[in-house]
């Protein structure tokens, strides 16, 4: 987990089209955990053009 200037970083998966589904919107304490979810998703869709496009973004939250 990244900590900089009183903030804790979490990572969220978003769909590039802005819609929400079972994967989009999930938050993780590390980039690697979020990446593992997407890796499993894309691995199940080997060679398919019919798939959603996701990205992982860093979300900073103030520490309580």
PDB file of N, CA and C in Angstrom:
ATOM      1  N   UNK A   1       0.840  -1.164   0.000  1.00  0.00           N
ATOM      2  CA  UNK A   1       0.000   0.000   0.000  1.00  0.00           C
ATOM      3  C   UNK A   1       0.891   1.235   0.000  1.00  0.00           C
ATOM      4  N   UNK A   2       0.584   2.191  -0.866  1.00  0.00           N
ATOM      5  CA  UNK A   2       1.350   3.423  -0.940  1.00  0.00           C
ATOM      6  C   UNK A   2       0.837   4.414   0.091  1.00  0.00           C
ATOM      7  N   UNK A   3       1.759   5.053   0.788  1.00  0.00           N
ATOM      8  CA  UNK A   3       1.369   6.101   1.721  1.00  0.00           C
ATOM      9  C   UNK A   3       2.230   7.320   1.410  1.00  0.00           C
ATOM     10  N   UNK A   4       1.574   8.429   1.084  1.00  0.00           N
ATOM     11  CA  UNK A   4       2.295   9.656   0.786  1.00  0.00           C
ATOM     12  C   UNK A   4       1.501  10.832   1.298  1.00  0.00           C
ATOM     13  N   UNK A   5       2.135  11.645   2.108  1.00  0.00           N
ATOM     14  CA  UNK A   5       1.537  12.866   2.603  1.00  0.00           C
ATOM     15  C   UNK A   5       0.173  12.637   3.260  1.00  0.00           C
ATOM     16  N   UNK A   6       0.068  11.608   4.132  1.00  0.00           N
ATOM     17  CA  UNK A   6      -1.156  11.368   4.886  1.00  0.00           C
ATOM     18  C   UNK A   6      -2.270  10.700   4.101  1.00  0.00           C
ATOM     19  N   UNK A   7      -1.954  10.117   2.974  1.00  0.00           N
ATOM     20  CA  UNK A   7      -2.983   9.467   2.162  1.00  0.00           C
ATOM     21  C   UNK A   7      -2.640   7.996   1.975  1.00  0.00           C
ATOM     22  N   UNK A   8      -3.668   7.181   1.878  1.00  0.00           N
ATOM     23  CA  UNK A   8      -3.498   5.767   1.598  1.00  0.00           C
ATOM     24  C   UNK A   8      -4.025   5.501   0.197  1.00  0.00           C
ATOM     25  N   UNK A   9      -3.233   4.869  -0.623  1.00  0.00           N
ATOM     26  CA  UNK A   9      -3.646   4.578  -1.992  1.00  0.00           C
ATOM     27  C   UNK A   9      -4.391   3.257  -2.035  1.00  0.00           C
ATOM     28  N   UNK A  10      -5.497   3.253  -2.744  1.00  0.00           N
ATOM     29  CA  UNK A  10      -6.183   2.027  -3.106  1.00  0.00           C
ATOM     30  C   UNK A  10      -6.317   2.042  -4.619  1.00  0.00           C
ATOM     31  N   UNK A  11      -6.669   0.921  -5.173  1.00  0.00           N
ATOM     32  CA  UNK A  11      -6.737   0.785  -6.622  1.00  0.00           C
ATOM     33  C   UNK A  11      -8.120   0.282  -7.000  1.00  0.00           C
ATOM     34  N   UNK A  12      -8.690   0.908  -8.025  1.00  0.00           N
ATOM     35  CA  UNK A  12     -10.039   0.574  -8.456  1.00  0.00           C
ATOM     36  C   UNK A  12     -10.018   0.170  -9.922  1.00  0.00           C
ATOM     37  N   UNK A  13     -10.823  -0.833 -10.247  1.00  0.00           N
ATOM     38  CA  UNK A  13     -10.979  -1.260 -11.626  1.00  0.00           C
ATOM     39  C   UNK A  13     -12.154  -0.493 -12.225  1.00  0.00           C
ATOM     40  N   UNK A  14     -11.921   0.106 -13.394  1.00  0.00           N
ATOM     41  CA  UNK A  14     -12.966   0.826 -14.109  1.00  0.00           C
ATOM     42  C   UNK A  14     -13.076   0.292 -15.533  1.00  0.00           C
ATOM     43  N   UNK A  15     -14.289   0.340 -16.068  1.00  0.00           N
ATOM     44  CA  UNK A  15     -14.479   0.003 -17.478  1.00  0.00           C
ATOM     45  C   UNK A  15     -14.232   1.253 -18.304  1.00  0.00           C
ATOM     46  N   UNK A  16     -13.621   1.088 -19.465  1.00  0.00           N
ATOM     47  CA  UNK A  16     -13.335   2.235 -20.319  1.00  0.00           C
ATOM     48  C   UNK A  16     -14.598   2.885 -20.869  1.00  0.00           C
ATOM     49  N   UNK A  17     -15.706   2.143 -20.966  1.00  0.00           N
ATOM     50  CA  UNK A  17     -16.954   2.723 -21.469  1.00  0.00           C
ATOM     51  C   UNK A  17     -17.769   3.386 -20.359  1.00  0.00           C
ATOM     52  N   UNK A  18     -17.261   3.356 -19.118  1.00  0.00           N
ATOM     53  CA  UNK A  18     -17.915   4.030 -18.005  1.00  0.00           C
ATOM     54  C   UNK A  18     -19.045   3.255 -17.353  1.00  0.00           C
ATOM     55  N   UNK A  19     -19.395   2.096 -17.867  1.00  0.00           N
ATOM     56  CA  UNK A  19     -20.465   1.291 -17.286  1.00  0.00           C
ATOM     57  C   UNK A  19     -19.945   0.513 -16.084  1.00  0.00           C
ATOM     58  N   UNK A  20     -20.874  -0.030 -15.315  1.00  0.00           N
ATOM     59  CA  UNK A  20     -20.518  -0.806 -14.138  1.00  0.00           C
ATOM     60  C   UNK A  20     -20.939  -2.254 -14.342  1.00  0.00           C
ATOM     61  N   UNK A  21     -20.197  -3.164 -13.763  1.00  0.00           N
ATOM     62  CA  UNK A  21     -20.531  -4.585 -13.813  1.00  0.00           C
ATOM     63  C   UNK A  21     -19.905  -5.267 -12.604  1.00  0.00           C
ATOM     64  N   UNK A  22     -19.798  -6.574 -12.632  1.00  0.00           N
ATOM     65  CA  UNK A  22     -19.278  -7.324 -11.498  1.00  0.00           C
ATOM     66  C   UNK A  22     -17.807  -7.081 -11.206  1.00  0.00           C
ATOM     67  N   UNK A  23     -17.072  -6.580 -12.184  1.00  0.00           N
ATOM     68  CA  UNK A  23     -15.646  -6.311 -11.992  1.00  0.00           C
ATOM     69  C   UNK A  23     -15.413  -4.822 -11.752  1.00  0.00           C
ATOM     70  N   UNK A  24     -16.035  -3.990 -12.571  1.00  0.00           N
ATOM     71  CA  UNK A  24     -15.843  -2.534 -12.463  1.00  0.00           C
ATOM     72  C   UNK A  24     -16.364  -2.021 -11.126  1.00  0.00           C
ATOM     73  N   UNK A  25     -15.589  -1.169 -10.506  1.00  0.00           N
ATOM     74  CA  UNK A  25     -15.970  -0.587  -9.221  1.00  0.00           C
ATOM     75  C   UNK A  25     -15.304  -1.252  -8.033  1.00  0.00           C
ATOM     76  N   UNK A  26     -14.772  -2.447  -8.223  1.00  0.00           N
ATOM     77  CA  UNK A  26     -14.091  -3.117  -7.118  1.00  0.00           C
ATOM     78  C   UNK A  26     -12.833  -2.340  -6.741  1.00  0.00           C
ATOM     79  N   UNK A  27     -12.552  -2.295  -5.440  1.00  0.00           N
ATOM     80  CA  UNK A  27     -11.354  -1.632  -4.936  1.00  0.00           C
ATOM     81  C   UNK A  27     -10.454  -2.642  -4.248  1.00  0.00           C
ATOM     82  N   UNK A  28      -9.151  -2.393  -4.343  1.00  0.00           N
ATOM     83  CA  UNK A  28      -8.145  -3.303  -3.810  1.00  0.00           C
ATOM     84  C   UNK A  28      -7.058  -2.508  -3.090  1.00  0.00           C
ATOM     85  N   UNK A  29      -6.447  -3.101  -2.077  1.00  0.00           N
ATOM     86  CA  UNK A  29      -5.385  -2.403  -1.361  1.00  0.00           C
ATOM     87  C   UNK A  29      -4.063  -2.351  -2.124  1.00  0.00           C
ATOM     88  N   UNK A  30      -3.933  -3.132  -3.206  1.00  0.00           N
ATOM     89  CA  UNK A  30      -2.704  -3.093  -3.992  1.00  0.00           C
ATOM     90  C   UNK A  30      -3.031  -3.232  -5.480  1.00  0.00           C
ATOM     91  N   UNK A  31      -2.141  -2.681  -6.287  1.00  0.00           N
ATOM     92  CA  UNK A  31      -2.275  -2.794  -7.740  1.00  0.00           C
ATOM     93  C   UNK A  31      -2.234  -4.267  -8.156  1.00  0.00           C
ATOM     94  N   UNK A  32      -1.349  -5.028  -7.529  1.00  0.00           N
ATOM     95  CA  UNK A  32      -1.193  -6.439  -7.893  1.00  0.00           C
ATOM     96  C   UNK A  32      -2.476  -7.236  -7.699  1.00  0.00           C
ATOM     97  N   UNK A  33      -3.229  -6.942  -6.649  1.00  0.00           N
ATOM     98  CA  UNK A  33      -4.492  -7.651  -6.419  1.00  0.00           C
ATOM     99  C   UNK A  33      -5.508  -7.310  -7.500  1.00  0.00           C
ATOM    100  N   UNK A  34      -5.590  -6.038  -7.869  1.00  0.00           N
ATOM    101  CA  UNK A  34      -6.499  -5.629  -8.936  1.00  0.00           C
ATOM    102  C   UNK A  34      -6.083  -6.266 -10.260  1.00  0.00           C
ATOM    103  N   UNK A  35      -4.796  -6.279 -10.513  1.00  0.00           N
ATOM    104  CA  UNK A  35      -4.279  -6.862 -11.752  1.00  0.00           C
ATOM    105  C   UNK A  35      -4.588  -8.352 -11.838  1.00  0.00           C
ATOM    106  N   UNK A  36      -4.512  -9.063 -10.725  1.00  0.00           N
ATOM    107  CA  UNK A  36      -4.800 -10.498 -10.708  1.00  0.00           C
ATOM    108  C   UNK A  36      -6.246 -10.773 -11.125  1.00  0.00           C
ATOM    109  N   UNK A  37      -7.177  -9.908 -10.694  1.00  0.00           N
ATOM    110  CA  UNK A  37      -8.587 -10.078 -11.083  1.00  0.00           C
ATOM    111  C   UNK A  37      -8.728  -9.915 -12.595  1.00  0.00           C
ATOM    112  N   UNK A  38      -8.097  -8.885 -13.151  1.00  0.00           N
ATOM    113  CA  UNK A  38      -8.188  -8.672 -14.600  1.00  0.00           C
ATOM    114  C   UNK A  38      -7.461  -9.759 -15.380  1.00  0.00           C
ATOM    115  N   UNK A  39      -6.379 -10.237 -14.835  1.00  0.00           N
ATOM    116  CA  UNK A  39      -5.638 -11.311 -15.500  1.00  0.00           C
ATOM    117  C   UNK A  39      -6.504 -12.571 -15.624  1.00  0.00           C
ATOM    118  N   UNK A  40      -7.250 -12.899 -14.554  1.00  0.00           N
ATOM    119  CA  UNK A  40      -8.155 -14.050 -14.613  1.00  0.00           C
ATOM    120  C   UNK A  40      -9.282 -13.805 -15.617  1.00  0.00           C
ATOM    121  N   UNK A  41      -9.823 -12.589 -15.638  1.00  0.00           N
ATOM    122  CA  UNK A  41     -10.906 -12.256 -16.568  1.00  0.00           C
ATOM    123  C   UNK A  41     -10.435 -12.391 -18.012  1.00  0.00           C
ATOM    124  N   UNK A  42      -9.336 -11.756 -18.358  1.00  0.00           N
ATOM    125  CA  UNK A  42      -8.847 -11.805 -19.732  1.00  0.00           C
ATOM    126  C   UNK A  42      -8.350 -13.196 -20.106  1.00  0.00           C
ATOM    127  N   UNK A  43      -7.830 -13.955 -19.154  1.00  0.00           N
ATOM    128  CA  UNK A  43      -7.379 -15.314 -19.430  1.00  0.00           C
ATOM    129  C   UNK A  43      -8.524 -16.223 -19.823  1.00  0.00           C
ATOM    130  N   UNK A  44      -9.716 -15.980 -19.263  1.00  0.00           N
ATOM    131  CA  UNK A  44     -10.884 -16.779 -19.606  1.00  0.00           C
ATOM    132  C   UNK A  44     -11.440 -16.448 -20.978  1.00  0.00           C
ATOM    133  N   UNK A  45     -11.007 -15.338 -21.567  1.00  0.00           N
ATOM    134  CA  UNK A  45     -11.537 -14.897 -22.857  1.00  0.00           C
ATOM    135  C   UNK A  45     -10.497 -14.982 -23.962  1.00  0.00           C
ATOM    136  N   UNK A  46      -9.626 -15.932 -23.867  1.00  0.00           N
ATOM    137  CA  UNK A  46      -8.526 -16.074 -24.811  1.00  0.00           C
ATOM    138  C   UNK A  46      -8.970 -15.847 -26.262  1.00  0.00           C
ATOM    139  N   UNK A  47      -8.300 -14.927 -26.903  1.00  0.00           N
ATOM    140  CA  UNK A  47      -8.459 -14.663 -28.331  1.00  0.00           C
ATOM    141  C   UNK A  47      -9.848 -14.164 -28.719  1.00  0.00           C
ATOM    142  N   UNK A  48     -10.606 -13.628 -27.815  1.00  0.00           N
ATOM    143  CA  UNK A  48     -11.938 -13.128 -28.109  1.00  0.00           C
ATOM    144  C   UNK A  48     -11.904 -11.620 -28.315  1.00  0.00           C
ATOM    145  N   UNK A  49     -12.564 -11.154 -29.372  1.00  0.00           N
ATOM    146  CA  UNK A  49     -12.680  -9.711 -29.611  1.00  0.00           C
ATOM    147  C   UNK A  49     -13.871  -9.139 -28.857  1.00  0.00           C
ATOM    148  N   UNK A  50     -14.738 -10.003 -28.363  1.00  0.00           N
ATOM    149  CA  UNK A  50     -15.953  -9.578 -27.676  1.00  0.00           C
ATOM    150  C   UNK A  50     -15.715  -9.551 -26.172  1.00  0.00           C
ATOM    151  N   UNK A  51     -15.038  -8.505 -25.713  1.00  0.00           N
ATOM    152  CA  UNK A  51     -14.738  -8.380 -24.284  1.00  0.00           C
ATOM    153  C   UNK A  51     -14.716  -6.901 -23.899  1.00  0.00           C
ATOM    154  N   UNK A  52     -14.924  -6.673 -22.648  1.00  0.00           N
ATOM    155  CA  UNK A  52     -14.880  -5.314 -22.123  1.00  0.00           C
ATOM    156  C   UNK A  52     -13.421  -4.907 -21.917  1.00  0.00           C
ATOM    157  N   UNK A  53     -13.189  -3.616 -21.912  1.00  0.00           N
ATOM    158  CA  UNK A  53     -11.841  -3.106 -21.675  1.00  0.00           C
ATOM    159  C   UNK A  53     -11.849  -2.419 -20.314  1.00  0.00           C
ATOM    160  N   UNK A  54     -10.934  -2.855 -19.452  1.00  0.00           N
ATOM    161  CA  UNK A  54     -10.826  -2.332 -18.095  1.00  0.00           C
ATOM    162  C   UNK A  54      -9.485  -1.646 -17.901  1.00  0.00           C
ATOM    163  N   UNK A  55      -9.446  -0.795 -16.891  1.00  0.00           N
ATOM    164  CA  UNK A  55      -8.185  -0.186 -16.481  1.00  0.00           C
ATOM    165  C   UNK A  55      -8.162  -0.110 -14.960  1.00  0.00           C
ATOM    166  N   UNK A  56      -6.985  -0.001 -14.422  1.00  0.00           N
ATOM    167  CA  UNK A  56      -6.810   0.117 -12.975  1.00  0.00           C
ATOM    168  C   UNK A  56      -6.360   1.544 -12.692  1.00  0.00           C
ATOM    169  N   UNK A  57      -7.069   2.203 -11.783  1.00  0.00           N
ATOM    170  CA  UNK A  57      -6.710   3.581 -11.418  1.00  0.00           C
ATOM    171  C   UNK A  57      -6.404   3.649  -9.930  1.00  0.00           C
ATOM    172  N   UNK A  58      -5.492   4.527  -9.585  1.00  0.00           N
ATOM    173  CA  UNK A  58      -5.164   4.751  -8.176  1.00  0.00           C
ATOM    174  C   UNK A  58      -6.160   5.743  -7.595  1.00  0.00           C
ATOM    175  N   UNK A  59      -6.708   5.405  -6.432  1.00  0.00           N
ATOM    176  CA  UNK A  59      -7.661   6.255  -5.743  1.00  0.00           C
ATOM    177  C   UNK A  59      -7.084   6.580  -4.379  1.00  0.00           C
ATOM    178  N   UNK A  60      -6.828   7.833  -4.113  1.00  0.00           N
ATOM    179  CA  UNK A  60      -6.270   8.246  -2.825  1.00  0.00           C
ATOM    180  C   UNK A  60      -7.391   8.602  -1.870  1.00  0.00           C
ATOM    181  N   UNK A  61      -7.286   8.080  -0.665  1.00  0.00           N
ATOM    182  CA  UNK A  61      -8.267   8.368   0.370  1.00  0.00           C
ATOM    183  C   UNK A  61      -7.534   8.938   1.575  1.00  0.00           C
ATOM    184  N   UNK A  62      -8.085   9.986   2.151  1.00  0.00           N
ATOM    185  CA  UNK A  62      -7.476  10.548   3.355  1.00  0.00           C
ATOM    186  C   UNK A  62      -7.592   9.538   4.488  1.00  0.00           C
ATOM    187  N   UNK A  63      -6.524   9.426   5.269  1.00  0.00           N
ATOM    188  CA  UNK A  63      -6.545   8.533   6.416  1.00  0.00           C
ATOM    189  C   UNK A  63      -7.390   9.150   7.514  1.00  0.00           C
ATOM    190  N   UNK A  64      -8.136   8.290   8.190  1.00  0.00           N
ATOM    191  CA  UNK A  64      -8.994   8.781   9.291  1.00  0.00           C
ATOM    192  C   UNK A  64      -8.195   8.896  10.557  1.00  0.00           C
TER     193      UNK A  64
END
